[in-house]
Amino acid sequence: MKTIKIQINDKIGFHARTASIFSKNASKFKSVINIEFKGKKVNGKSMLSIMSLGVKTGDSVILSCEGEDEEISINHLKNLINNNFNS
């Protein structure tokens, strides 16, 4: 399993647009992808679950990927977040 702590810097945090972009990208991978925030862990492939976390600009989340493509998936998703959800 690969795990990183990463800050969300997009001006709207994890809201509808960013949660949708993230979940669509996460769904491309076979690995199980989770996001944890304030003790709550959700499926990173579910837009509604991500939105339920209430992550705002400047908050940090724990991103974890586990599976056969975990290295590729965590790097891709980390870059997506660091680029403010722009591919």
Protein backbone atom coordinates (compact mmCIF):
# COMPACT_ATOMS: atom_id res chain seq x y z
CA MET A 1 0.00 0.00 0.00
CA LYS A 2 1.18 3.50 -0.87
CA THR A 3 0.11 6.38 1.38
CA ILE A 4 0.79 10.11 1.26
CA LYS A 5 -0.42 13.18 3.08
CA ILE A 6 -1.24 15.94 0.63
CA GLN A 7 -2.65 19.46 0.86
CA ILE A 8 -5.63 20.51 -1.24
CA ASN A 9 -4.85 23.94 -2.68
CA ASP A 10 -7.62 24.32 -5.23
CA LYS A 11 -9.67 27.44 -4.44
CA ILE A 12 -12.84 25.40 -3.83
CA GLY A 13 -11.28 22.43 -2.04
CA PHE A 14 -12.94 19.06 -2.70
CA HIS A 15 -16.32 20.24 -4.01
CA ALA A 16 -18.48 18.95 -6.88
CA ARG A 17 -16.10 19.77 -9.75
CA THR A 18 -12.88 18.65 -8.10
CA ALA A 19 -14.46 15.57 -6.50
CA SER A 20 -15.82 14.57 -9.91
CA ILE A 21 -12.45 15.02 -11.62
CA PHE A 22 -10.66 13.11 -8.87
CA SER A 23 -13.12 10.19 -8.79
CA LYS A 24 -13.10 9.83 -12.59
CA ASN A 25 -9.30 9.71 -12.58
CA ALA A 26 -9.21 7.30 -9.63
CA SER A 27 -11.67 4.99 -11.39
CA LYS A 28 -9.15 4.41 -14.19
CA PHE A 29 -7.04 2.32 -11.80
CA LYS A 30 -7.49 -1.20 -10.46
CA SER A 31 -6.17 -0.29 -6.99
CA VAL A 32 -8.41 0.41 -4.03
CA ILE A 33 -8.16 4.18 -3.50
CA ASN A 34 -9.15 5.85 -0.25
CA ILE A 35 -9.09 9.41 1.07
CA GLU A 36 -9.00 10.07 4.80
CA PHE A 37 -9.82 13.37 6.48
CA LYS A 38 -10.42 14.05 10.17
CA GLY A 39 -10.64 10.33 10.93
CA LYS A 40 -13.18 9.55 8.19
CA LYS A 41 -12.06 7.31 5.32
CA VAL A 42 -13.97 7.20 2.02
CA ASN A 43 -13.74 5.54 -1.37
CA GLY A 44 -11.72 7.79 -3.69
CA LYS A 45 -13.68 6.51 -6.67
CA SER A 46 -16.95 7.93 -5.32
CA MET A 47 -17.62 11.61 -5.98
CA LEU A 48 -20.35 11.82 -3.32
CA SER A 49 -18.16 10.15 -0.71
CA ILE A 50 -15.35 12.61 -1.39
CA MET A 51 -17.73 15.56 -1.13
CA SER A 52 -19.02 14.24 2.21
CA LEU A 53 -15.59 14.85 3.77
CA GLY A 54 -15.98 18.63 3.63
CA VAL A 55 -12.37 19.25 2.61
CA LYS A 56 -11.67 22.96 2.13
CA THR A 57 -8.77 24.86 0.58
CA GLY A 58 -5.61 24.37 2.60
CA ASP A 59 -6.78 21.17 4.30
CA SER A 60 -4.56 18.09 4.12
CA VAL A 61 -5.87 14.61 3.38
CA ILE A 62 -4.32 11.17 3.48
CA LEU A 63 -4.44 9.45 0.11
CA SER A 64 -3.88 5.70 -0.04
CA CYS A 65 -3.72 3.32 -2.96
CA GLU A 66 -3.49 -0.45 -2.65
CA GLY A 67 -3.28 -2.92 -5.51
CA GLU A 68 -1.35 -3.92 -8.57
CA ASP A 69 -1.09 -0.38 -9.97
CA GLU A 70 -0.72 1.46 -6.63
CA GLU A 71 2.55 3.17 -7.55
CA ILE A 72 1.19 4.56 -10.82
CA SER A 73 -2.16 5.52 -9.32
CA ILE A 74 -0.78 7.40 -6.31
CA ASN A 75 1.66 9.33 -8.49
CA HIS A 76 -1.06 10.23 -11.00
CA LEU A 77 -3.51 11.36 -8.31
CA LYS A 78 -0.81 13.29 -6.43
CA ASN A 79 0.05 15.17 -9.62
CA LEU A 80 -3.64 15.83 -10.29
CA ILE A 81 -4.06 17.40 -6.84
CA ASN A 82 -0.80 19.35 -7.08
CA ASN A 83 -1.95 20.75 -10.45
CA ASN A 84 -5.26 21.89 -8.90
CA PHE A 85 -7.22 19.16 -10.74
CA ASN A 86 -6.03 20.24 -14.20
CA SER A 87 -4.76 17.32 -16.27
